[in-house]
């Protein structure tokens, strides 16, 4: 199921694996070698992904590093302002789509009522 799509990023839900697949599309110029970069982020780590995508580039890179196959490309992906900006947008869009699909539930943090 397609969750979000931007100019460079495409996010799909892999229900069988309980994760979201982020795929970079075709890129031109200096980022061309990053084309087809993929990372599967488990839905159990989604909260961390949302927080880190908006706050800390290095920690986001660490989270992506944990789940990417092409670990050598993670630093270049996170270092690109253009790719990071769009990644932040598709994470927000994918979060809305996951909630609407019932794959993700928004609940108060433990201890809050």
PDB file of N, CA and C in Angstrom:
ATOM      1  N   UNK A   1       0.848  -1.174   0.000  1.00  0.00           N
ATOM      2  CA  UNK A   1       0.000   0.000   0.000  1.00  0.00           C
ATOM      3  C   UNK A   1       0.900   1.246   0.000  1.00  0.00           C
ATOM      4  N   UNK A   2       0.649   2.146  -0.941  1.00  0.00           N
ATOM      5  CA  UNK A   2       1.415   3.377  -1.021  1.00  0.00           C
ATOM      6  C   UNK A   2       0.982   4.312   0.099  1.00  0.00           C
ATOM      7  N   UNK A   3       1.949   4.768   0.896  1.00  0.00           N
ATOM      8  CA  UNK A   3       1.662   5.676   2.010  1.00  0.00           C
ATOM      9  C   UNK A   3       1.914   7.122   1.634  1.00  0.00           C
ATOM     10  N   UNK A   4       3.013   7.382   0.971  1.00  0.00           N
ATOM     11  CA  UNK A   4       3.374   8.749   0.598  1.00  0.00           C
ATOM     12  C   UNK A   4       4.356   8.694  -0.569  1.00  0.00           C
ATOM     13  N   UNK A   5       4.312   9.772  -1.350  1.00  0.00           N
ATOM     14  CA  UNK A   5       5.237   9.849  -2.473  1.00  0.00           C
ATOM     15  C   UNK A   5       5.597  11.303  -2.708  1.00  0.00           C
ATOM     16  N   UNK A   6       6.872  11.520  -2.945  1.00  0.00           N
ATOM     17  CA  UNK A   6       7.363  12.850  -3.255  1.00  0.00           C
ATOM     18  C   UNK A   6       8.119  12.815  -4.561  1.00  0.00           C
ATOM     19  N   UNK A   7       8.862  13.851  -4.803  1.00  0.00           N
ATOM     20  CA  UNK A   7       9.651  13.909  -6.029  1.00  0.00           C
ATOM     21  C   UNK A   7      10.727  12.827  -6.051  1.00  0.00           C
ATOM     22  N   UNK A   8      11.328  12.570  -4.890  1.00  0.00           N
ATOM     23  CA  UNK A   8      12.423  11.599  -4.822  1.00  0.00           C
ATOM     24  C   UNK A   8      12.074  10.354  -4.012  1.00  0.00           C
ATOM     25  N   UNK A   9      11.263  10.495  -2.970  1.00  0.00           N
ATOM     26  CA  UNK A   9      10.976   9.393  -2.051  1.00  0.00           C
ATOM     27  C   UNK A   9       9.630   8.766  -2.335  1.00  0.00           C
ATOM     28  N   UNK A  10       9.541   7.467  -2.098  1.00  0.00           N
ATOM     29  CA  UNK A  10       8.289   6.719  -2.178  1.00  0.00           C
ATOM     30  C   UNK A  10       8.236   5.836  -0.926  1.00  0.00           C
ATOM     31  N   UNK A  11       7.118   5.872  -0.212  1.00  0.00           N
ATOM     32  CA  UNK A  11       6.965   5.100   1.023  1.00  0.00           C
ATOM     33  C   UNK A  11       5.775   4.162   0.872  1.00  0.00           C
ATOM     34  N   UNK A  12       6.027   2.874   1.082  1.00  0.00           N
ATOM     35  CA  UNK A  12       4.954   1.884   1.012  1.00  0.00           C
ATOM     36  C   UNK A  12       4.915   1.074   2.306  1.00  0.00           C
ATOM     37  N   UNK A  13       3.728   0.598   2.624  1.00  0.00           N
ATOM     38  CA  UNK A  13       3.538  -0.225   3.818  1.00  0.00           C
ATOM     39  C   UNK A  13       3.697  -1.688   3.438  1.00  0.00           C
ATOM     40  N   UNK A  14       4.553  -2.383   4.158  1.00  0.00           N
ATOM     41  CA  UNK A  14       4.717  -3.830   3.977  1.00  0.00           C
ATOM     42  C   UNK A  14       4.064  -4.498   5.189  1.00  0.00           C
ATOM     43  N   UNK A  15       2.771  -4.771   5.073  1.00  0.00           N
ATOM     44  CA  UNK A  15       2.010  -5.302   6.220  1.00  0.00           C
ATOM     45  C   UNK A  15       2.574  -6.621   6.739  1.00  0.00           C
ATOM     46  N   UNK A  16       3.002  -7.495   5.836  1.00  0.00           N
ATOM     47  CA  UNK A  16       3.534  -8.800   6.260  1.00  0.00           C
ATOM     48  C   UNK A  16       4.746  -8.652   7.162  1.00  0.00           C
ATOM     49  N   UNK A  17       5.555  -7.642   6.889  1.00  0.00           N
ATOM     50  CA  UNK A  17       6.777  -7.434   7.663  1.00  0.00           C
ATOM     51  C   UNK A  17       6.583  -6.428   8.788  1.00  0.00           C
ATOM     52  N   UNK A  18       5.438  -5.759   8.827  1.00  0.00           N
ATOM     53  CA  UNK A  18       5.185  -4.758   9.860  1.00  0.00           C
ATOM     54  C   UNK A  18       6.132  -3.574   9.770  1.00  0.00           C
ATOM     55  N   UNK A  19       6.408  -3.145   8.531  1.00  0.00           N
ATOM     56  CA  UNK A  19       7.337  -2.032   8.352  1.00  0.00           C
ATOM     57  C   UNK A  19       6.934  -1.175   7.164  1.00  0.00           C
ATOM     58  N   UNK A  20       7.574  -0.032   7.071  1.00  0.00           N
ATOM     59  CA  UNK A  20       7.396   0.867   5.932  1.00  0.00           C
ATOM     60  C   UNK A  20       8.694   0.856   5.128  1.00  0.00           C
ATOM     61  N   UNK A  21       8.547   0.761   3.827  1.00  0.00           N
ATOM     62  CA  UNK A  21       9.694   0.736   2.930  1.00  0.00           C
ATOM     63  C   UNK A  21       9.857   2.110   2.294  1.00  0.00           C
ATOM     64  N   UNK A  22      11.003   2.737   2.536  1.00  0.00           N
ATOM     65  CA  UNK A  22      11.359   4.022   1.940  1.00  0.00           C
ATOM     66  C   UNK A  22      12.309   3.735   0.781  1.00  0.00           C
ATOM     67  N   UNK A  23      11.966   4.234  -0.399  1.00  0.00           N
ATOM     68  CA  UNK A  23      12.792   4.010  -1.585  1.00  0.00           C
ATOM     69  C   UNK A  23      13.060   5.344  -2.261  1.00  0.00           C
ATOM     70  N   UNK A  24      14.318   5.587  -2.580  1.00  0.00           N
ATOM     71  CA  UNK A  24      14.687   6.772  -3.356  1.00  0.00           C
ATOM     72  C   UNK A  24      14.537   6.432  -4.828  1.00  0.00           C
ATOM     73  N   UNK A  25      13.929   7.318  -5.571  1.00  0.00           N
ATOM     74  CA  UNK A  25      13.778   7.119  -7.005  1.00  0.00           C
ATOM     75  C   UNK A  25      15.010   7.555  -7.756  1.00  0.00           C
ATOM     76  N   UNK A  26      14.832   7.720  -9.047  1.00  0.00           N
ATOM     77  CA  UNK A  26      15.947   8.113  -9.906  1.00  0.00           C
ATOM     78  C   UNK A  26      16.377   9.541  -9.581  1.00  0.00           C
ATOM     79  N   UNK A  27      17.656   9.713  -9.381  1.00  0.00           N
ATOM     80  CA  UNK A  27      18.238  11.020  -9.074  1.00  0.00           C
ATOM     81  C   UNK A  27      19.241  11.389 -10.154  1.00  0.00           C
ATOM     82  N   UNK A  28      19.449  12.669 -10.310  1.00  0.00           N
ATOM     83  CA  UNK A  28      20.395  13.136 -11.321  1.00  0.00           C
ATOM     84  C   UNK A  28      21.565  13.848 -10.659  1.00  0.00           C
ATOM     85  N   UNK A  29      22.602  14.039 -11.431  1.00  0.00           N
ATOM     86  CA  UNK A  29      23.759  14.816 -10.971  1.00  0.00           C
ATOM     87  C   UNK A  29      24.558  14.103  -9.906  1.00  0.00           C
ATOM     88  N   UNK A  30      24.966  14.883  -8.909  1.00  0.00           N
ATOM     89  CA  UNK A  30      25.854  14.366  -7.876  1.00  0.00           C
ATOM     90  C   UNK A  30      25.199  13.323  -6.974  1.00  0.00           C
ATOM     91  N   UNK A  31      23.864  13.248  -6.968  1.00  0.00           N
ATOM     92  CA  UNK A  31      23.159  12.283  -6.116  1.00  0.00           C
ATOM     93  C   UNK A  31      22.758  11.016  -6.869  1.00  0.00           C
ATOM     94  N   UNK A  32      23.167  10.891  -8.115  1.00  0.00           N
ATOM     95  CA  UNK A  32      22.755   9.774  -8.957  1.00  0.00           C
ATOM     96  C   UNK A  32      23.077   8.410  -8.341  1.00  0.00           C
ATOM     97  N   UNK A  33      24.208   8.294  -7.670  1.00  0.00           N
ATOM     98  CA  UNK A  33      24.585   6.997  -7.103  1.00  0.00           C
ATOM     99  C   UNK A  33      23.699   6.586  -5.920  1.00  0.00           C
ATOM    100  N   UNK A  34      22.858   7.522  -5.434  1.00  0.00           N
ATOM    101  CA  UNK A  34      21.937   7.199  -4.343  1.00  0.00           C
ATOM    102  C   UNK A  34      20.618   6.629  -4.847  1.00  0.00           C
ATOM    103  N   UNK A  35      20.419   6.621  -6.167  1.00  0.00           N
ATOM    104  CA  UNK A  35      19.189   6.088  -6.740  1.00  0.00           C
ATOM    105  C   UNK A  35      18.979   4.654  -6.284  1.00  0.00           C
ATOM    106  N   UNK A  36      17.747   4.332  -5.988  1.00  0.00           N
ATOM    107  CA  UNK A  36      17.325   3.008  -5.545  1.00  0.00           C
ATOM    108  C   UNK A  36      17.770   2.679  -4.114  1.00  0.00           C
ATOM    109  N   UNK A  37      18.210   3.682  -3.347  1.00  0.00           N
ATOM    110  CA  UNK A  37      18.493   3.462  -1.917  1.00  0.00           C
ATOM    111  C   UNK A  37      17.187   3.053  -1.251  1.00  0.00           C
ATOM    112  N   UNK A  38      17.241   2.030  -0.411  1.00  0.00           N
ATOM    113  CA  UNK A  38      16.048   1.531   0.280  1.00  0.00           C
ATOM    114  C   UNK A  38      16.329   1.337   1.756  1.00  0.00           C
ATOM    115  N   UNK A  39      15.294   1.567   2.567  1.00  0.00           N
ATOM    116  CA  UNK A  39      15.386   1.280   3.993  1.00  0.00           C
ATOM    117  C   UNK A  39      14.005   0.855   4.481  1.00  0.00           C
ATOM    118  N   UNK A  40      13.963  -0.234   5.223  1.00  0.00           N
ATOM    119  CA  UNK A  40      12.716  -0.717   5.822  1.00  0.00           C
ATOM    120  C   UNK A  40      12.718  -0.320   7.291  1.00  0.00           C
ATOM    121  N   UNK A  41      11.759   0.524   7.670  1.00  0.00           N
ATOM    122  CA  UNK A  41      11.661   0.992   9.052  1.00  0.00           C
ATOM    123  C   UNK A  41      10.493   0.274   9.714  1.00  0.00           C
ATOM    124  N   UNK A  42      10.752  -0.515  10.758  1.00  0.00           N
ATOM    125  CA  UNK A  42       9.666  -1.209  11.453  1.00  0.00           C
ATOM    126  C   UNK A  42       8.692  -0.205  12.074  1.00  0.00           C
ATOM    127  N   UNK A  43       7.412  -0.533  12.046  1.00  0.00           N
ATOM    128  CA  UNK A  43       6.418   0.359  12.623  1.00  0.00           C
ATOM    129  C   UNK A  43       6.632   0.538  14.122  1.00  0.00           C
ATOM    130  N   UNK A  44       7.294  -0.414  14.757  1.00  0.00           N
ATOM    131  CA  UNK A  44       7.597  -0.283  16.187  1.00  0.00           C
ATOM    132  C   UNK A  44       8.589   0.846  16.447  1.00  0.00           C
ATOM    133  N   UNK A  45       9.310   1.279  15.426  1.00  0.00           N
ATOM    134  CA  UNK A  45      10.281   2.383  15.544  1.00  0.00           C
ATOM    135  C   UNK A  45       9.751   3.684  14.960  1.00  0.00           C
ATOM    136  N   UNK A  46       8.472   3.703  14.574  1.00  0.00           N
ATOM    137  CA  UNK A  46       7.915   4.867  13.877  1.00  0.00           C
ATOM    138  C   UNK A  46       7.977   6.138  14.727  1.00  0.00           C
ATOM    139  N   UNK A  47       7.656   6.021  15.990  1.00  0.00           N
ATOM    140  CA  UNK A  47       7.689   7.184  16.877  1.00  0.00           C
ATOM    141  C   UNK A  47       9.078   7.820  16.876  1.00  0.00           C
ATOM    142  N   UNK A  48      10.098   7.002  16.971  1.00  0.00           N
ATOM    143  CA  UNK A  48      11.476   7.523  16.926  1.00  0.00           C
ATOM    144  C   UNK A  48      11.777   8.164  15.580  1.00  0.00           C
ATOM    145  N   UNK A  49      11.319   7.546  14.513  1.00  0.00           N
ATOM    146  CA  UNK A  49      11.550   8.090  13.175  1.00  0.00           C
ATOM    147  C   UNK A  49      10.946   9.485  13.050  1.00  0.00           C
ATOM    148  N   UNK A  50       9.711   9.658  13.496  1.00  0.00           N
ATOM    149  CA  UNK A  50       9.042  10.959  13.393  1.00  0.00           C
ATOM    150  C   UNK A  50       9.795  12.011  14.201  1.00  0.00           C
ATOM    151  N   UNK A  51      10.165  11.678  15.412  1.00  0.00           N
ATOM    152  CA  UNK A  51      10.885  12.639  16.261  1.00  0.00           C
ATOM    153  C   UNK A  51      12.241  13.015  15.662  1.00  0.00           C
ATOM    154  N   UNK A  52      12.998  12.020  15.222  1.00  0.00           N
ATOM    155  CA  UNK A  52      14.346  12.280  14.716  1.00  0.00           C
ATOM    156  C   UNK A  52      14.345  12.966  13.354  1.00  0.00           C
ATOM    157  N   UNK A  53      13.364  12.665  12.533  1.00  0.00           N
ATOM    158  CA  UNK A  53      13.297  13.277  11.204  1.00  0.00           C
ATOM    159  C   UNK A  53      13.177  14.789  11.309  1.00  0.00           C
ATOM    160  N   UNK A  54      12.517  15.260  12.343  1.00  0.00           N
ATOM    161  CA  UNK A  54      12.299  16.692  12.503  1.00  0.00           C
ATOM    162  C   UNK A  54      13.345  17.368  13.393  1.00  0.00           C
ATOM    163  N   UNK A  55      14.181  16.578  14.068  1.00  0.00           N
ATOM    164  CA  UNK A  55      15.047  17.221  15.050  1.00  0.00           C
ATOM    165  C   UNK A  55      16.543  17.008  14.852  1.00  0.00           C
ATOM    166  N   UNK A  56      16.987  15.790  14.669  1.00  0.00           N
ATOM    167  CA  UNK A  56      18.421  15.534  14.707  1.00  0.00           C
ATOM    168  C   UNK A  56      18.872  14.673  13.528  1.00  0.00           C
ATOM    169  N   UNK A  57      19.581  15.299  12.609  1.00  0.00           N
ATOM    170  CA  UNK A  57      20.045  14.638  11.388  1.00  0.00           C
ATOM    171  C   UNK A  57      20.951  13.443  11.689  1.00  0.00           C
ATOM    172  N   UNK A  58      21.859  13.583  12.657  1.00  0.00           N
ATOM    173  CA  UNK A  58      22.801  12.505  12.963  1.00  0.00           C
ATOM    174  C   UNK A  58      22.095  11.297  13.592  1.00  0.00           C
ATOM    175  N   UNK A  59      21.189  11.563  14.523  1.00  0.00           N
ATOM    176  CA  UNK A  59      20.464  10.452  15.142  1.00  0.00           C
ATOM    177  C   UNK A  59      19.520   9.776  14.152  1.00  0.00           C
ATOM    178  N   UNK A  60      18.931  10.563  13.242  1.00  0.00           N
ATOM    179  CA  UNK A  60      18.115   9.983  12.171  1.00  0.00           C
ATOM    180  C   UNK A  60      18.973   9.059  11.322  1.00  0.00           C
ATOM    181  N   UNK A  61      20.183   9.500  11.013  1.00  0.00           N
ATOM    182  CA  UNK A  61      21.108   8.652  10.256  1.00  0.00           C
ATOM    183  C   UNK A  61      21.392   7.353  10.975  1.00  0.00           C
ATOM    184  N   UNK A  62      21.523   7.405  12.300  1.00  0.00           N
ATOM    185  CA  UNK A  62      21.746   6.181  13.077  1.00  0.00           C
ATOM    186  C   UNK A  62      20.573   5.234  12.989  1.00  0.00           C
ATOM    187  N   UNK A  63      19.351   5.773  13.052  1.00  0.00           N
ATOM    188  CA  UNK A  63      18.159   4.927  12.943  1.00  0.00           C
ATOM    189  C   UNK A  63      18.094   4.291  11.559  1.00  0.00           C
ATOM    190  N   UNK A  64      18.354   5.089  10.520  1.00  0.00           N
ATOM    191  CA  UNK A  64      18.341   4.546   9.161  1.00  0.00           C
ATOM    192  C   UNK A  64      19.454   3.524   8.966  1.00  0.00           C
ATOM    193  N   UNK A  65      20.593   3.769   9.573  1.00  0.00           N
ATOM    194  CA  UNK A  65      21.724   2.853   9.477  1.00  0.00           C
ATOM    195  C   UNK A  65      21.369   1.481  10.039  1.00  0.00           C
ATOM    196  N   UNK A  66      20.564   1.470  11.094  1.00  0.00           N
ATOM    197  CA  UNK A  66      20.144   0.203  11.697  1.00  0.00           C
ATOM    198  C   UNK A  66      19.311  -0.650  10.753  1.00  0.00           C
ATOM    199  N   UNK A  67      18.623  -0.022   9.794  1.00  0.00           N
ATOM    200  CA  UNK A  67      17.655  -0.758   8.976  1.00  0.00           C
ATOM    201  C   UNK A  67      17.950  -0.756   7.481  1.00  0.00           C
ATOM    202  N   UNK A  68      18.988  -0.068   7.037  1.00  0.00           N
ATOM    203  CA  UNK A  68      19.312   0.009   5.605  1.00  0.00           C
ATOM    204  C   UNK A  68      20.243  -1.124   5.205  1.00  0.00           C
ATOM    205  N   UNK A  69      20.089  -1.577   3.970  1.00  0.00           N
ATOM    206  CA  UNK A  69      21.013  -2.576   3.426  1.00  0.00           C
ATOM    207  C   UNK A  69      22.296  -1.906   2.940  1.00  0.00           C
ATOM    208  N   UNK A  70      22.158  -0.775   2.270  1.00  0.00           N
ATOM    209  CA  UNK A  70      23.317  -0.045   1.740  1.00  0.00           C
ATOM    210  C   UNK A  70      23.781   0.962   2.792  1.00  0.00           C
ATOM    211  N   UNK A  71      24.394   0.464   3.826  1.00  0.00           N
ATOM    212  CA  UNK A  71      24.799   1.293   4.966  1.00  0.00           C
ATOM    213  C   UNK A  71      25.785   2.392   4.576  1.00  0.00           C
ATOM    214  N   UNK A  72      26.574   2.147   3.544  1.00  0.00           N
ATOM    215  CA  UNK A  72      27.560   3.135   3.109  1.00  0.00           C
ATOM    216  C   UNK A  72      26.916   4.376   2.484  1.00  0.00           C
ATOM    217  N   UNK A  73      25.638   4.298   2.104  1.00  0.00           N
ATOM    218  CA  UNK A  73      24.964   5.432   1.479  1.00  0.00           C
ATOM    219  C   UNK A  73      24.161   6.282   2.461  1.00  0.00           C
ATOM    220  N   UNK A  74      23.936   5.786   3.662  1.00  0.00           N
ATOM    221  CA  UNK A  74      23.085   6.484   4.626  1.00  0.00           C
ATOM    222  C   UNK A  74      23.604   7.896   4.916  1.00  0.00           C
ATOM    223  N   UNK A  75      24.880   8.055   5.143  1.00  0.00           N
ATOM    224  CA  UNK A  75      25.440   9.364   5.463  1.00  0.00           C
ATOM    225  C   UNK A  75      25.191  10.364   4.338  1.00  0.00           C
ATOM    226  N   UNK A  76      25.327   9.939   3.100  1.00  0.00           N
ATOM    227  CA  UNK A  76      25.096  10.841   1.958  1.00  0.00           C
ATOM    228  C   UNK A  76      23.634  11.214   1.825  1.00  0.00           C
ATOM    229  N   UNK A  77      22.746  10.256   2.117  1.00  0.00           N
ATOM    230  CA  UNK A  77      21.308  10.534   2.050  1.00  0.00           C
ATOM    231  C   UNK A  77      20.931  11.580   3.095  1.00  0.00           C
ATOM    232  N   UNK A  78      21.396  11.396   4.316  1.00  0.00           N
ATOM    233  CA  UNK A  78      21.045  12.306   5.409  1.00  0.00           C
ATOM    234  C   UNK A  78      21.754  13.654   5.255  1.00  0.00           C
ATOM    235  N   UNK A  79      22.895  13.682   4.611  1.00  0.00           N
ATOM    236  CA  UNK A  79      23.640  14.933   4.441  1.00  0.00           C
ATOM    237  C   UNK A  79      23.027  15.850   3.379  1.00  0.00           C
ATOM    238  N   UNK A  80      22.222  15.303   2.498  1.00  0.00           N
ATOM    239  CA  UNK A  80      21.607  16.100   1.439  1.00  0.00           C
ATOM    240  C   UNK A  80      20.398  16.854   1.986  1.00  0.00           C
ATOM    241  N   UNK A  81      20.472  18.171   1.976  1.00  0.00           N
ATOM    242  CA  UNK A  81      19.351  18.989   2.457  1.00  0.00           C
ATOM    243  C   UNK A  81      18.088  18.737   1.645  1.00  0.00           C
ATOM    244  N   UNK A  82      18.239  18.580   0.351  1.00  0.00           N
ATOM    245  CA  UNK A  82      17.090  18.346  -0.527  1.00  0.00           C
ATOM    246  C   UNK A  82      16.406  17.030  -0.197  1.00  0.00           C
ATOM    247  N   UNK A  83      17.191  15.966  -0.035  1.00  0.00           N
ATOM    248  CA  UNK A  83      16.606  14.656   0.284  1.00  0.00           C
ATOM    249  C   UNK A  83      16.049  14.623   1.699  1.00  0.00           C
ATOM    250  N   UNK A  84      16.736  15.265   2.640  1.00  0.00           N
ATOM    251  CA  UNK A  84      16.265  15.289   4.019  1.00  0.00           C
ATOM    252  C   UNK A  84      14.951  16.060   4.141  1.00  0.00           C
ATOM    253  N   UNK A  85      14.855  17.207   3.478  1.00  0.00           N
ATOM    254  CA  UNK A  85      13.626  17.996   3.517  1.00  0.00           C
ATOM    255  C   UNK A  85      12.430  17.225   2.990  1.00  0.00           C
ATOM    256  N   UNK A  86      12.638  16.530   1.884  1.00  0.00           N
ATOM    257  CA  UNK A  86      11.532  15.736   1.337  1.00  0.00           C
ATOM    258  C   UNK A  86      11.251  14.518   2.208  1.00  0.00           C
ATOM    259  N   UNK A  87      12.285  13.923   2.789  1.00  0.00           N
ATOM    260  CA  UNK A  87      12.083  12.796   3.699  1.00  0.00           C
ATOM    261  C   UNK A  87      11.207  13.224   4.876  1.00  0.00           C
ATOM    262  N   UNK A  88      11.458  14.403   5.414  1.00  0.00           N
ATOM    263  CA  UNK A  88      10.638  14.908   6.519  1.00  0.00           C
ATOM    264  C   UNK A  88       9.175  15.024   6.101  1.00  0.00           C
ATOM    265  N   UNK A  89       8.932  15.512   4.896  1.00  0.00           N
ATOM    266  CA  UNK A  89       7.560  15.665   4.408  1.00  0.00           C
ATOM    267  C   UNK A  89       6.877  14.320   4.195  1.00  0.00           C
ATOM    268  N   UNK A  90       7.584  13.352   3.583  1.00  0.00           N
ATOM    269  CA  UNK A  90       6.936  12.062   3.339  1.00  0.00           C
ATOM    270  C   UNK A  90       6.740  11.285   4.644  1.00  0.00           C
ATOM    271  N   UNK A  91       7.583  11.509   5.646  1.00  0.00           N
ATOM    272  CA  UNK A  91       7.357  10.878   6.957  1.00  0.00           C
ATOM    273  C   UNK A  91       6.052  11.410   7.552  1.00  0.00           C
ATOM    274  N   UNK A  92       5.827  12.715   7.465  1.00  0.00           N
ATOM    275  CA  UNK A  92       4.571  13.290   7.973  1.00  0.00           C
ATOM    276  C   UNK A  92       3.373  12.742   7.203  1.00  0.00           C
ATOM    277  N   UNK A  93       3.465  12.723   5.879  1.00  0.00           N
ATOM    278  CA  UNK A  93       2.364  12.216   5.054  1.00  0.00           C
ATOM    279  C   UNK A  93       2.109  10.736   5.316  1.00  0.00           C
ATOM    280  N   UNK A  94       3.185   9.961   5.455  1.00  0.00           N
ATOM    281  CA  UNK A  94       3.046   8.526   5.717  1.00  0.00           C
ATOM    282  C   UNK A  94       2.435   8.280   7.091  1.00  0.00           C
ATOM    283  N   UNK A  95       2.751   9.129   8.055  1.00  0.00           N
ATOM    284  CA  UNK A  95       2.171   8.992   9.393  1.00  0.00           C
ATOM    285  C   UNK A  95       0.660   9.151   9.333  1.00  0.00           C
ATOM    286  N   UNK A  96       0.203  10.149   8.611  1.00  0.00           N
ATOM    287  CA  UNK A  96      -1.242  10.359   8.447  1.00  0.00           C
ATOM    288  C   UNK A  96      -1.873   9.146   7.763  1.00  0.00           C
ATOM    289  N   UNK A  97      -1.252   8.648   6.706  1.00  0.00           N
ATOM    290  CA  UNK A  97      -1.782   7.495   5.978  1.00  0.00           C
ATOM    291  C   UNK A  97      -1.818   6.247   6.860  1.00  0.00           C
ATOM    292  N   UNK A  98      -0.786   6.058   7.695  1.00  0.00           N
ATOM    293  CA  UNK A  98      -0.760   4.900   8.599  1.00  0.00           C
ATOM    294  C   UNK A  98      -1.876   4.972   9.637  1.00  0.00           C
ATOM    295  N   UNK A  99      -2.125   6.158  10.162  1.00  0.00           N
ATOM    296  CA  UNK A  99      -3.208   6.333  11.137  1.00  0.00           C
ATOM    297  C   UNK A  99      -4.556   6.078  10.461  1.00  0.00           C
ATOM    298  N   UNK A 100      -4.746   6.626   9.272  1.00  0.00           N
ATOM    299  CA  UNK A 100      -6.000   6.425   8.541  1.00  0.00           C
ATOM    300  C   UNK A 100      -6.233   4.963   8.195  1.00  0.00           C
ATOM    301  N   UNK A 101      -5.159   4.233   7.915  1.00  0.00           N
ATOM    302  CA  UNK A 101      -5.275   2.805   7.572  1.00  0.00           C
ATOM    303  C   UNK A 101      -5.419   1.925   8.806  1.00  0.00           C
ATOM    304  N   UNK A 102      -5.239   2.494   9.984  1.00  0.00           N
ATOM    305  CA  UNK A 102      -5.348   1.714  11.216  1.00  0.00           C
ATOM    306  C   UNK A 102      -4.099   0.920  11.548  1.00  0.00           C
ATOM    307  N   UNK A 103      -3.015   1.173  10.832  1.00  0.00           N
ATOM    308  CA  UNK A 103      -1.763   0.459  11.092  1.00  0.00           C
ATOM    309  C   UNK A 103      -0.968   1.113  12.205  1.00  0.00           C
ATOM    310  N   UNK A 104      -1.331   2.342  12.559  1.00  0.00           N
ATOM    311  CA  UNK A 104      -0.638   3.095  13.589  1.00  0.00           C
ATOM    312  C   UNK A 104      -1.695   3.785  14.442  1.00  0.00           C
ATOM    313  N   UNK A 105      -1.534   3.704  15.753  1.00  0.00           N
ATOM    314  CA  UNK A 105      -2.507   4.298  16.663  1.00  0.00           C
ATOM    315  C   UNK A 105      -1.815   5.410  17.456  1.00  0.00           C
ATOM    316  N   UNK A 106      -2.469   6.555  17.513  1.00  0.00           N
ATOM    317  CA  UNK A 106      -1.946   7.657  18.300  1.00  0.00           C
ATOM    318  C   UNK A 106      -2.582   7.551  19.681  1.00  0.00           C
ATOM    319  N   UNK A 107      -1.754   7.459  20.698  1.00  0.00           N
ATOM    320  CA  UNK A 107      -2.225   7.344  22.072  1.00  0.00           C
ATOM    321  C   UNK A 107      -1.380   8.244  22.961  1.00  0.00           C
ATOM    322  N   UNK A 108      -1.939   8.655  24.095  1.00  0.00           N
ATOM    323  CA  UNK A 108      -1.131   9.456  25.014  1.00  0.00           C
ATOM    324  C   UNK A 108       0.059   8.656  25.521  1.00  0.00           C
ATOM    325  N   UNK A 109       1.121   9.364  25.824  1.00  0.00           N
ATOM    326  CA  UNK A 109       2.296   8.697  26.391  1.00  0.00           C
ATOM    327  C   UNK A 109       1.905   8.070  27.721  1.00  0.00           C
ATOM    328  N   UNK A 110       2.575   6.999  28.091  1.00  0.00           N
ATOM    329  CA  UNK A 110       2.252   6.338  29.348  1.00  0.00           C
ATOM    330  C   UNK A 110       2.381   7.322  30.511  1.00  0.00           C
ATOM    331  N   UNK A 111       1.400   7.298  31.384  1.00  0.00           N
ATOM    332  CA  UNK A 111       1.395   8.198  32.519  1.00  0.00           C
ATOM    333  C   UNK A 111       0.559   9.444  32.276  1.00  0.00           C
ATOM    334  N   UNK A 112       0.189   9.693  31.020  1.00  0.00           N
ATOM    335  CA  UNK A 112      -0.664  10.843  30.696  1.00  0.00           C
ATOM    336  C   UNK A 112      -2.112  10.380  30.574  1.00  0.00           C
ATOM    337  N   UNK A 113      -3.021  11.247  30.958  1.00  0.00           N
ATOM    338  CA  UNK A 113      -4.437  10.926  30.785  1.00  0.00           C
ATOM    339  C   UNK A 113      -5.178  12.093  30.260  1.00  0.00           C
TER     340      UNK A 113
END
